[in-house]
Protein backbone atom coordinates (compact mmCIF):
# COMPACT_ATOMS: atom_id res chain seq x y z
CA MET A 1 128.04 100.32 177.11
CA ASN A 2 127.35 98.20 180.19
CA ILE A 3 127.31 94.46 179.50
CA ARG A 4 126.97 91.68 182.02
CA ILE A 5 126.39 87.94 182.41
CA VAL A 6 122.83 86.97 183.40
CA GLN A 7 122.04 83.42 184.47
CA ARG A 8 119.14 81.80 182.59
CA GLU A 9 116.84 81.77 185.62
CA ASP A 10 117.41 85.51 186.15
CA ILE A 11 116.69 86.64 182.58
CA ASP A 12 113.77 89.02 182.17
CA LYS A 13 111.60 87.12 179.69
CA ILE A 14 109.69 90.11 178.33
CA LYS A 15 112.75 92.33 177.89
CA TRP A 16 114.86 89.58 176.28
CA ASN A 17 112.14 88.58 173.81
CA SER A 18 111.41 92.23 173.04
CA CYS A 19 115.04 92.82 172.09
CA VAL A 20 114.97 89.81 169.76
CA HIS A 21 111.66 90.98 168.28
CA TYR A 22 112.88 94.50 167.51
CA ALA A 23 116.47 93.64 166.60
CA GLU A 24 117.52 95.05 163.24
CA LYS A 25 118.81 91.64 162.12
CA GLY A 26 116.44 89.56 164.18
CA ASN A 27 115.18 86.04 163.60
CA PRO A 28 113.06 83.62 165.66
CA PHE A 29 116.07 81.67 166.90
CA GLY A 30 116.77 84.12 169.72
CA TYR A 31 113.45 83.81 171.54
CA LEU A 32 113.63 82.13 174.93
CA TRP A 33 111.23 79.34 173.96
CA PHE A 34 113.54 78.44 171.07
CA LEU A 35 116.77 78.64 173.09
CA ASP A 36 115.37 76.59 175.98
CA ASN A 37 114.37 73.82 173.57
CA ILE A 38 117.80 73.46 171.95
CA SER A 39 119.97 73.81 175.05
CA LYS A 40 119.59 73.01 178.73
CA ASP A 41 122.77 74.82 179.74
CA TRP A 42 123.05 78.38 178.53
CA ILE A 43 123.48 81.85 179.97
CA GLY A 44 122.82 85.30 178.54
CA ILE A 45 124.96 88.36 177.97
CA VAL A 46 122.92 91.55 178.25
CA GLU A 47 123.71 95.16 177.39
CA ASP A 48 122.15 97.93 179.52
CA ASP A 49 118.37 97.43 179.83
CA TYR A 50 118.30 94.52 177.34
CA HIS A 51 119.24 96.75 174.38
CA SER A 52 121.42 93.88 173.14
CA VAL A 53 121.36 90.19 174.09
CA MET A 54 123.42 87.13 173.20
CA PRO A 55 123.06 83.52 174.36
CA VAL A 56 126.16 81.58 175.42
CA PHE A 57 125.69 77.82 175.08
CA LYS A 58 127.85 75.63 177.29
CA ALA A 59 129.17 72.17 176.45
CA LYS A 60 132.10 70.07 177.67
CA ASN A 61 135.11 69.53 175.44
CA PHE A 62 137.21 66.34 175.21
CA TRP A 63 139.07 67.21 178.43
CA GLY A 64 135.90 68.01 180.36
CA LYS A 65 136.35 71.77 180.24
CA ILE A 66 133.45 74.09 179.42
CA LYS A 67 133.37 75.51 175.90
CA PHE A 68 131.01 77.90 174.10
CA GLU A 69 129.44 75.76 171.38
CA SER A 70 126.48 76.45 169.12
CA PRO A 71 123.86 73.65 169.37
CA LYS A 72 123.35 71.33 166.42
CA LEU A 73 119.76 72.47 165.89
CA LEU A 74 120.60 76.20 165.79
CA PRO A 75 120.56 77.30 162.12
CA PHE A 76 122.33 80.63 162.71
CA PHE A 77 124.10 82.20 165.66
CA GLN A 78 123.26 85.84 166.35
CA LEU A 79 123.93 88.74 168.67
CA TYR A 80 120.58 90.55 168.83
CA SER A 81 120.56 94.30 169.23
CA VAL A 82 118.35 97.32 168.66
CA ASN A 83 121.65 99.20 168.24
CA VAL A 84 124.22 98.94 165.45
CA LEU A 85 126.17 95.67 165.48
CA SER A 86 129.50 97.44 165.47
CA PHE A 87 132.81 95.62 165.78
CA LYS A 88 133.29 97.24 169.19
CA ARG A 89 129.98 95.79 170.44
CA VAL A 90 130.62 92.33 168.98
CA LYS A 91 134.13 92.23 170.47
CA ALA A 92 132.90 93.31 173.91
CA PHE A 93 130.24 90.57 173.95
CA MET A 94 132.62 87.87 172.74
CA ASN A 95 135.38 88.93 175.13
CA LEU A 96 133.00 88.57 178.06
CA ALA A 97 131.81 85.20 176.77
CA GLN A 98 135.42 83.98 176.49
CA GLN A 99 135.95 84.73 180.18
CA GLU A 100 133.28 82.15 181.01
CA VAL A 101 134.60 79.28 178.87
CA ALA A 102 137.79 77.45 177.89
CA GLY A 103 137.17 77.75 174.16
CA ILE A 104 134.58 78.47 171.47
CA ASP A 105 133.15 76.53 168.54
CA ILE A 106 130.39 78.52 166.86
CA LYS A 107 128.89 77.61 163.48
CA ASN A 108 127.02 79.88 161.05
CA ALA A 109 127.39 83.11 162.99
CA PHE A 110 126.24 86.45 161.61
CA ILE A 111 129.10 88.07 163.56
CA GLY A 112 132.82 87.93 162.85
CA PHE A 113 136.13 89.55 163.72
CA ILE A 114 138.09 92.07 161.65
CA ASN A 115 141.43 90.59 162.77
CA PRO A 116 140.61 87.14 164.18
CA GLU A 117 144.28 86.22 164.61
CA GLN A 118 144.67 89.06 167.12
CA GLU A 119 141.82 87.53 169.12
CA GLN A 120 143.47 84.10 168.83
CA ILE A 121 140.38 82.86 166.99
CA LYS A 122 140.23 80.75 163.85
CA GLN A 123 137.62 82.26 161.56
CA SER A 124 136.37 80.65 158.36
CA ASN A 125 133.97 82.62 156.19
CA HIS A 126 131.18 81.38 153.96
CA SER A 127 127.82 82.78 152.93
CA ILE A 128 124.08 82.30 153.00
CA ASP A 129 121.88 82.99 150.00
CA ILE A 130 118.85 85.26 150.32
CA LEU A 131 116.09 85.98 147.81
CA ASN A 132 113.56 88.79 148.00
CA ILE A 133 110.25 87.20 146.95
CA GLY A 134 108.20 90.41 146.89
CA SER A 135 107.75 90.24 143.10
CA ARG A 136 105.15 88.26 141.14
CA TYR A 137 105.98 84.60 140.67
CA THR A 138 106.37 84.96 136.89
CA THR A 139 108.99 87.64 137.51
CA LEU A 140 110.82 85.46 140.00
CA LEU A 141 110.64 82.53 137.56
CA ASN A 142 112.42 84.52 134.85
CA ASP A 143 115.49 84.75 137.10
CA PHE A 144 115.52 81.09 138.12
CA SER A 145 118.29 78.75 137.05
CA GLU A 146 117.49 76.48 134.11
CA GLU A 147 117.19 73.57 136.54
CA LEU A 148 114.40 75.28 138.50
CA LYS A 149 112.69 76.50 135.33
CA ASN A 150 112.62 72.91 134.11
CA ILE A 151 110.97 71.84 137.37
CA GLU A 152 108.26 74.45 136.88
CA HIS A 153 107.55 73.35 133.30
CA ASN A 154 107.85 69.57 133.81
CA ILE A 155 104.27 68.24 133.90
CA GLU A 156 105.59 64.83 135.02
CA LEU A 157 106.23 66.39 138.42
CA ASP A 158 102.53 67.16 138.89
CA LYS A 159 102.12 63.71 140.45
CA TYR A 160 104.00 64.97 143.51
CA THR A 161 101.99 67.01 145.98
CA LEU A 162 103.02 69.55 148.62
CA ASN A 163 101.21 68.85 151.87
CA SER A 164 101.26 69.67 155.54
CA LEU A 165 102.25 66.93 157.97
CA LYS A 166 101.93 66.04 161.64
CA ILE A 167 104.73 67.32 163.87
CA GLU A 168 105.57 63.83 165.15
CA GLU A 169 105.93 62.47 161.63
CA THR A 170 108.01 65.46 160.59
CA ALA A 171 110.44 65.08 163.50
CA GLU A 172 110.70 61.33 162.95
CA PHE A 173 111.54 61.82 159.27
CA MET A 174 114.14 64.52 159.96
CA ALA A 175 115.74 62.49 162.74
CA ARG A 176 115.97 59.35 160.62
CA GLU A 177 117.34 60.98 157.46
CA ASN A 178 119.77 63.27 159.33
CA LYS A 179 120.81 60.60 161.85
CA LEU A 180 119.79 62.70 164.83
CA LYS A 181 119.64 61.42 168.40
CA ASP A 182 116.34 60.81 170.17
CA LYS A 183 116.79 63.88 172.37
CA GLU A 184 117.25 65.99 169.21
CA LYS A 185 114.12 64.48 167.70
CA PHE A 186 112.09 65.44 170.76
CA SER A 187 113.63 68.92 170.65
CA LEU A 188 112.41 69.26 167.07
CA MET A 189 108.91 68.27 168.15
CA ARG A 190 108.87 70.90 170.90
CA LEU A 191 110.27 73.57 168.59
CA PHE A 192 107.73 72.93 165.88
CA TYR A 193 104.80 72.79 168.30
CA ASN A 194 105.87 76.09 169.83
CA ALA A 195 106.34 77.73 166.43
CA GLN A 196 102.95 76.57 165.18
CA GLN A 197 101.20 77.77 168.33
CA ARG A 198 102.77 81.19 167.80
CA GLN A 199 101.95 81.09 164.06
CA LEU A 200 105.64 81.38 163.24
CA GLY A 201 106.11 78.28 161.12
CA GLN A 202 104.68 75.42 159.13
CA VAL A 203 105.66 71.99 157.79
CA PHE A 204 105.82 71.50 154.03
CA ALA A 205 106.26 67.94 152.74
CA LEU A 206 106.54 66.63 149.19
CA GLN A 207 104.81 63.27 148.74
CA ASP A 208 104.21 60.93 145.83
CA SER A 209 100.87 59.38 144.85
CA ASP A 210 101.31 56.73 147.56
CA LYS A 211 101.78 59.45 150.22
CA THR A 212 105.43 58.46 150.65
CA ILE A 213 107.47 61.40 151.92
CA LEU A 214 110.26 62.37 149.52
CA ALA A 215 111.38 65.58 151.19
CA LEU A 216 110.20 68.10 153.74
CA ASP A 217 111.17 71.22 155.61
CA PHE A 218 109.86 73.37 158.42
CA ILE A 219 109.67 76.98 157.28
CA PHE A 220 109.84 79.77 159.86
CA PHE A 221 108.05 83.04 159.09
CA SER A 222 109.33 85.87 161.26
CA HIS A 223 110.94 89.33 161.03
CA GLY A 224 109.97 89.61 157.37
CA LYS A 225 111.89 86.41 156.66
CA MET A 226 110.96 83.01 155.29
CA ILE A 227 113.66 80.74 156.73
CA SER A 228 114.37 77.16 155.71
CA PHE A 229 115.05 75.33 158.98
CA LEU A 230 116.23 71.83 158.03
CA PRO A 231 115.54 70.74 154.41
CA THR A 232 115.59 66.95 154.37
CA SER A 233 115.27 64.53 151.45
CA THR A 234 115.34 60.77 150.94
CA LYS A 235 117.61 59.22 148.32
CA LYS A 236 114.71 59.18 145.85
CA GLY A 237 113.85 62.74 146.78
CA LYS A 238 117.38 63.90 146.01
CA ALA A 239 117.25 62.11 142.65
CA ILE A 240 114.24 64.17 141.54
CA ASN A 241 115.46 67.38 143.24
CA ALA A 242 112.56 67.31 145.68
CA GLU A 243 113.92 70.31 147.57
CA GLY A 244 113.83 72.31 144.35
CA ILE A 245 110.22 71.25 143.79
CA ILE A 246 109.27 72.37 147.30
CA PHE A 247 111.11 75.67 146.76
CA THR A 248 109.34 76.53 143.50
CA ARG A 249 105.93 75.66 144.91
CA LEU A 250 106.53 77.65 148.07
CA LEU A 251 107.53 80.69 146.04
CA LYS A 252 104.45 80.31 143.86
CA ARG A 253 102.34 80.36 147.04
CA PHE A 254 104.08 83.25 148.82
CA ALA A 255 105.35 85.37 145.91
CA GLY A 256 104.39 89.03 146.14
CA GLN A 257 104.59 89.13 149.92
CA ALA A 258 107.14 91.29 151.72
CA LEU A 259 109.39 88.36 152.59
CA LYS A 260 113.01 87.39 152.10
CA PHE A 261 113.73 83.69 151.64
CA TYR A 262 116.77 82.44 153.57
CA LYS A 263 118.30 79.30 152.09
CA HIS A 264 119.62 76.80 154.65
CA PRO A 265 123.45 76.54 154.78
CA LYS A 266 123.20 72.81 153.98
CA SER A 267 120.58 73.19 151.26
CA THR A 268 120.90 71.11 148.09
CA LEU A 269 119.68 74.06 146.01
CA LYS A 270 122.55 75.06 143.76
CA ASP A 271 124.31 78.38 144.21
CA ASP A 272 122.93 79.70 140.91
CA PHE A 273 119.29 79.01 141.82
CA SER A 274 118.35 82.63 141.06
CA LYS A 275 120.07 85.55 139.31
CA LYS A 276 118.52 87.95 141.83
CA LYS A 277 119.73 86.26 145.00
CA THR A 278 122.01 88.14 147.37
CA SER A 279 124.43 86.74 149.92
CA MET A 280 125.36 87.52 153.52
CA THR A 281 128.56 86.40 155.19
CA LEU A 282 128.43 83.70 157.84
CA TYR A 283 131.36 82.87 160.11
CA ASN A 284 132.59 79.75 161.83
CA LEU A 285 134.54 80.76 164.95
CA LYS A 286 136.87 78.43 166.83
CA GLN A 287 139.35 78.89 169.64
């Protein structure tokens, strides 16, 4: 296994994106167009002829030293590989990354350490919920929590409509409700435009009869996954469980397709939203 640091300007675009595309546990957040829009200072770690790739995002810590930190707009951190993500491979990549920085602070990583204390890394584990939506909607509905079943059967909620929305309006809403900086708002706009142009995502907004936005999300469709990017609700939206309404209507629209729904780590959907959900471990890594 030959791994090496590659500066961003020297990365082979086709080979990097191909690795992300064919990675066993791939997602759209490893493509160069995505990475370039969420970070202006990152390098790559590459194995052999781009058989495995991992971005290393650089940021300054309190003392001005360079640390490896996952950007705020990155939903999940991933090492992408067409090979098995063995502990040996993960450790080799992270060890090389640690040689380039003074510390690490990675959120929602799909990679972890068997004995983090031996690596002098603090590792906290949590999970992400996943639901296979390949069944008919009525079948999926039977396994919903009572809260979601009530949403489906509550005719009072018919006054709310699920619509598409302009990218600018979407980014403005997300930035306002999540208290994001202007540069993050413009990053969202670029991300969403790029995703739409590549037919990898779409905005879904819940609005009332006055067209007021109660909640919205940008859903990425890639690698057989349907990924919630940043579910965002207003105070009124939270009161009526607007995210739950969006979720049930999305599943009604896409049920039966070979897709797995990935719930966002900060989703307001309750943990018992479906009896058939599965979970995958996510790791927060800090040194």
